[in-house]
Protein backbone atom coordinates (compact mmCIF):
# COMPACT_ATOMS: atom_id res chain seq x y z
CA UNK A 1 0.00 0.00 0.00
CA UNK A 2 2.90 2.38 0.64
CA UNK A 3 4.00 2.61 -3.05
CA UNK A 4 0.43 3.55 -4.01
CA UNK A 5 0.34 6.26 -1.34
CA UNK A 6 3.65 7.64 -2.52
CA UNK A 7 2.39 7.70 -6.10
CA UNK A 8 -0.79 9.51 -5.07
CA UNK A 9 1.31 12.04 -3.16
CA UNK A 10 3.46 12.72 -6.22
CA UNK A 11 0.37 13.19 -8.39
CA UNK A 12 -1.02 15.62 -5.84
CA UNK A 13 2.22 17.58 -5.88
CA UNK A 14 2.14 17.76 -9.68
CA UNK A 15 -1.47 18.97 -9.70
CA UNK A 16 -0.62 21.61 -7.11
CA UNK A 17 2.28 22.82 -9.25
CA UNK A 18 -0.24 23.56 -12.00
CA UNK A 19 -2.64 25.49 -9.77
CA UNK A 20 -4.36 28.40 -11.51
CA UNK A 21 -4.30 31.65 -9.59
CA UNK A 22 -7.76 33.30 -9.50
CA UNK A 23 -8.12 36.07 -12.04
CA UNK A 24 -7.65 39.61 -10.81
CA UNK A 25 -10.63 41.78 -10.02
CA UNK A 26 -10.97 45.27 -11.49
CA UNK A 27 -9.54 46.92 -8.39
CA UNK A 28 -6.72 44.41 -8.04
CA UNK A 29 -5.72 44.89 -11.67
CA UNK A 30 -5.57 48.68 -11.32
CA UNK A 31 -3.54 48.38 -8.12
CA UNK A 32 -1.18 45.89 -9.74
CA UNK A 33 -0.67 48.06 -12.81
CA UNK A 34 0.10 51.18 -10.76
CA UNK A 35 2.37 49.27 -8.39
CA UNK A 36 4.47 48.44 -11.47
CA UNK A 37 4.05 51.92 -12.93
CA UNK A 38 7.33 52.01 -14.92
CA UNK A 39 8.29 48.33 -14.70
CA UNK A 40 9.00 46.67 -18.01
CA UNK A 41 10.33 43.47 -16.49
CA UNK A 42 8.09 40.57 -15.60
CA UNK A 43 4.75 39.38 -16.93
CA UNK A 44 1.10 40.46 -16.75
CA UNK A 45 -1.80 38.11 -17.22
CA UNK A 46 -4.89 38.80 -19.32
CA UNK A 47 -7.09 39.92 -16.44
CA UNK A 48 -4.64 42.63 -15.43
CA UNK A 49 -4.22 43.89 -18.99
CA UNK A 50 -7.90 43.95 -19.95
CA UNK A 51 -9.15 45.41 -16.68
CA UNK A 52 -6.57 48.16 -16.93
CA UNK A 53 -7.57 48.75 -20.56
CA UNK A 54 -11.17 49.16 -19.39
CA UNK A 55 -9.98 51.61 -16.73
CA UNK A 56 -8.19 53.69 -19.38
CA UNK A 57 -11.30 53.69 -21.56
CA UNK A 58 -13.50 54.87 -18.68
CA UNK A 59 -11.05 57.66 -17.85
CA UNK A 60 -11.06 58.86 -21.46
CA UNK A 61 -14.87 58.81 -21.50
CA UNK A 62 -15.10 60.84 -18.31
CA UNK A 63 -12.92 63.62 -19.70
CA UNK A 64 -13.62 63.62 -23.42
CA UNK A 65 -17.22 62.44 -23.80
CA UNK A 66 -18.58 65.77 -22.47
CA UNK A 67 -16.39 67.58 -24.99
CA UNK A 68 -17.82 65.50 -27.83
CA UNK A 69 -21.37 66.11 -26.60
CA UNK A 70 -20.86 69.87 -26.29
CA UNK A 71 -19.23 70.09 -29.72
CA UNK A 72 -22.02 68.03 -31.26
CA UNK A 73 -24.66 70.26 -29.64
CA UNK A 74 -23.04 73.40 -31.01
CA UNK A 75 -22.72 71.78 -34.43
CA UNK A 76 -26.41 70.80 -34.51
CA UNK A 77 -27.42 74.31 -33.45
CA UNK A 78 -25.18 75.83 -36.09
CA UNK A 79 -23.31 77.93 -33.54
CA UNK A 80 -19.80 79.15 -34.31
CA UNK A 81 -17.81 78.12 -31.25
CA UNK A 82 -15.07 80.63 -32.07
CA UNK A 83 -17.53 83.48 -31.62
CA UNK A 84 -19.31 82.05 -28.59
CA UNK A 85 -18.19 82.39 -24.99
CA UNK A 86 -20.35 80.19 -22.82
CA UNK A 87 -19.74 78.07 -19.77
CA UNK A 88 -20.17 74.75 -21.65
CA UNK A 89 -17.23 75.56 -23.90
CA UNK A 90 -15.20 76.78 -20.94
CA UNK A 91 -15.96 73.53 -19.12
CA UNK A 92 -15.08 71.52 -22.21
CA UNK A 93 -11.76 73.34 -22.46
CA UNK A 94 -11.00 72.64 -18.81
CA UNK A 95 -11.87 68.97 -19.23
CA UNK A 96 -9.66 68.77 -22.33
CA UNK A 97 -6.74 70.26 -20.39
CA UNK A 98 -7.22 67.98 -17.38
CA UNK A 99 -7.80 64.98 -19.64
CA UNK A 100 -4.55 65.65 -21.46
CA UNK A 101 -2.66 65.74 -18.16
CA UNK A 102 -4.28 62.49 -17.02
CA UNK A 103 -3.48 60.82 -20.35
CA UNK A 104 0.16 61.83 -19.99
CA UNK A 105 0.20 60.39 -16.48
CA UNK A 106 -1.35 57.11 -17.69
CA UNK A 107 0.84 56.80 -20.78
CA UNK A 108 3.71 55.05 -19.00
CA UNK A 109 1.66 52.38 -17.17
CA UNK A 110 -0.40 51.73 -20.32
CA UNK A 111 2.83 50.97 -22.19
CA UNK A 112 4.47 48.93 -19.45
CA UNK A 113 1.42 46.74 -18.83
CA UNK A 114 1.22 45.95 -22.54
CA UNK A 115 4.92 45.09 -22.64
CA UNK A 116 4.47 42.74 -19.67
CA UNK A 117 1.43 41.20 -21.41
CA UNK A 118 3.64 40.47 -24.42
CA UNK A 119 6.22 38.94 -22.08
CA UNK A 120 3.52 36.73 -20.59
CA UNK A 121 2.91 35.07 -23.96
CA UNK A 122 6.63 34.83 -24.76
CA UNK A 123 6.83 37.85 -27.07
CA UNK A 124 9.29 40.71 -26.92
CA UNK A 125 8.27 44.26 -26.03
CA UNK A 126 9.90 45.36 -29.27
CA UNK A 127 6.64 44.40 -30.98
CA UNK A 128 5.01 47.36 -29.26
CA UNK A 129 7.94 49.65 -30.07
CA UNK A 130 7.66 48.72 -33.74
CA UNK A 131 3.93 49.49 -33.73
CA UNK A 132 4.47 52.88 -32.06
CA UNK A 133 7.25 53.84 -34.49
CA UNK A 134 5.14 52.78 -37.48
CA UNK A 135 2.22 54.86 -36.18
CA UNK A 136 4.39 57.96 -35.72
CA UNK A 137 5.95 57.61 -39.17
CA UNK A 138 2.49 57.12 -40.68
CA UNK A 139 1.15 60.28 -39.02
CA UNK A 140 4.14 62.34 -40.16
CA UNK A 141 3.93 61.04 -43.72
CA UNK A 142 0.16 61.56 -43.83
CA UNK A 143 0.58 65.15 -42.64
CA UNK A 144 3.30 65.82 -45.22
CA UNK A 145 1.30 64.37 -48.10
CA UNK A 146 -2.30 65.27 -47.27
CA UNK A 147 -1.59 68.44 -45.29
CA UNK A 148 0.52 70.10 -47.95
CA UNK A 149 -1.64 69.09 -50.90
CA UNK A 150 -5.14 69.53 -49.54
CA UNK A 151 -4.49 72.04 -46.79
CA UNK A 152 -3.20 74.63 -49.26
CA UNK A 153 0.01 74.94 -47.28
CA UNK A 154 1.96 74.77 -50.55
CA UNK A 155 0.94 75.25 -54.17
CA UNK A 156 0.38 72.04 -56.08
CA UNK A 157 3.48 72.60 -58.21
CA UNK A 158 5.71 72.95 -55.16
CA UNK A 159 4.06 69.88 -53.71
CA UNK A 160 5.04 67.87 -56.81
CA UNK A 161 8.58 69.15 -56.61
CA UNK A 162 8.80 68.18 -52.94
CA UNK A 163 7.53 64.62 -53.41
CA UNK A 164 8.62 64.09 -57.04
CA UNK A 165 5.76 61.77 -57.92
CA UNK A 166 2.60 62.09 -55.86
CA UNK A 167 1.42 58.59 -56.71
CA UNK A 168 4.57 57.12 -55.21
CA UNK A 169 4.05 59.07 -51.97
CA UNK A 170 0.43 57.93 -51.84
CA UNK A 171 1.45 54.32 -52.41
CA UNK A 172 4.06 54.56 -49.65
CA UNK A 173 1.42 55.97 -47.29
CA UNK A 174 -1.00 53.16 -48.16
CA UNK A 175 1.60 50.44 -47.65
CA UNK A 176 2.69 51.95 -44.36
CA UNK A 177 -0.93 52.13 -43.24
CA UNK A 178 -1.46 48.45 -44.07
CA UNK A 179 1.75 47.53 -42.23
CA UNK A 180 0.70 49.58 -39.20
CA UNK A 181 -2.75 47.97 -39.18
CA UNK A 182 -1.21 44.50 -39.41
CA UNK A 183 1.05 45.23 -36.44
CA UNK A 184 -1.89 46.53 -34.41
CA UNK A 185 -3.95 43.42 -35.18
CA UNK A 186 -1.00 41.21 -34.27
CA UNK A 187 -0.62 42.93 -30.90
CA UNK A 188 -4.34 42.53 -30.26
CA UNK A 189 -4.16 38.80 -31.04
CA UNK A 190 -1.14 38.41 -28.75
CA UNK A 191 -3.09 40.07 -25.93
CA UNK A 192 -5.74 37.33 -26.24
CA UNK A 193 -3.27 34.47 -25.75
CA UNK A 194 -3.21 32.58 -22.48
CA UNK A 195 -0.29 32.89 -20.09
CA UNK A 196 2.59 30.53 -20.77
CA UNK A 197 2.75 27.92 -18.04
CA UNK A 198 5.86 27.87 -15.93
CA UNK A 199 8.85 30.14 -16.29
CA UNK A 200 9.88 31.75 -19.56
CA UNK A 201 12.79 34.12 -20.17
CA UNK A 202 10.77 37.01 -18.77
CA UNK A 203 9.98 35.39 -15.43
CA UNK A 204 7.47 33.08 -13.74
CA UNK A 205 3.86 32.89 -14.84
CA UNK A 206 1.51 35.17 -12.89
CA UNK A 207 -1.36 32.74 -13.56
CA UNK A 208 0.02 29.20 -13.18
CA UNK A 209 1.88 28.25 -10.01
């Protein structure tokens, strides 16, 4: 009987080593994300990432939804906001200023939690860096092409001299946009993956003990 008991004990130990830690609650995820405010090392499980993403979305809604509503109201009424001084616009301006400050404060933890989420599925944080760089380059190129041609910042002839062949610039912008979209979709898919069991090169799993 002793060998059977020893075998059962070993099986129990193995099952305990694969214990799943309960998913984080909304409050726990926010606390965890802020406790690792600027920490790129380590791993973050799905519950931490998605709860914190929800938190960011709610914050943006609190500050910027009133601005959208006020702007829409003025637009429907046909009021020129540049010639109108009213408390709704003043409030919207204050919310925009405060919202911008809050977004700057939340920028670092939003990046670090996504990097740790990539680590959790065995991917490098350079995926996120590549997506950010591609987005910045796309915005700059779009401004140079569309802003100069359609914003009347330069005459059309000078625009052609600056970009040589406009069709080439447009094609480059389109290809870069497709590449940027593909990177964004890839990051989204990675964020859906389950945590790697055990230890990977970024540390132990926050989900599986």
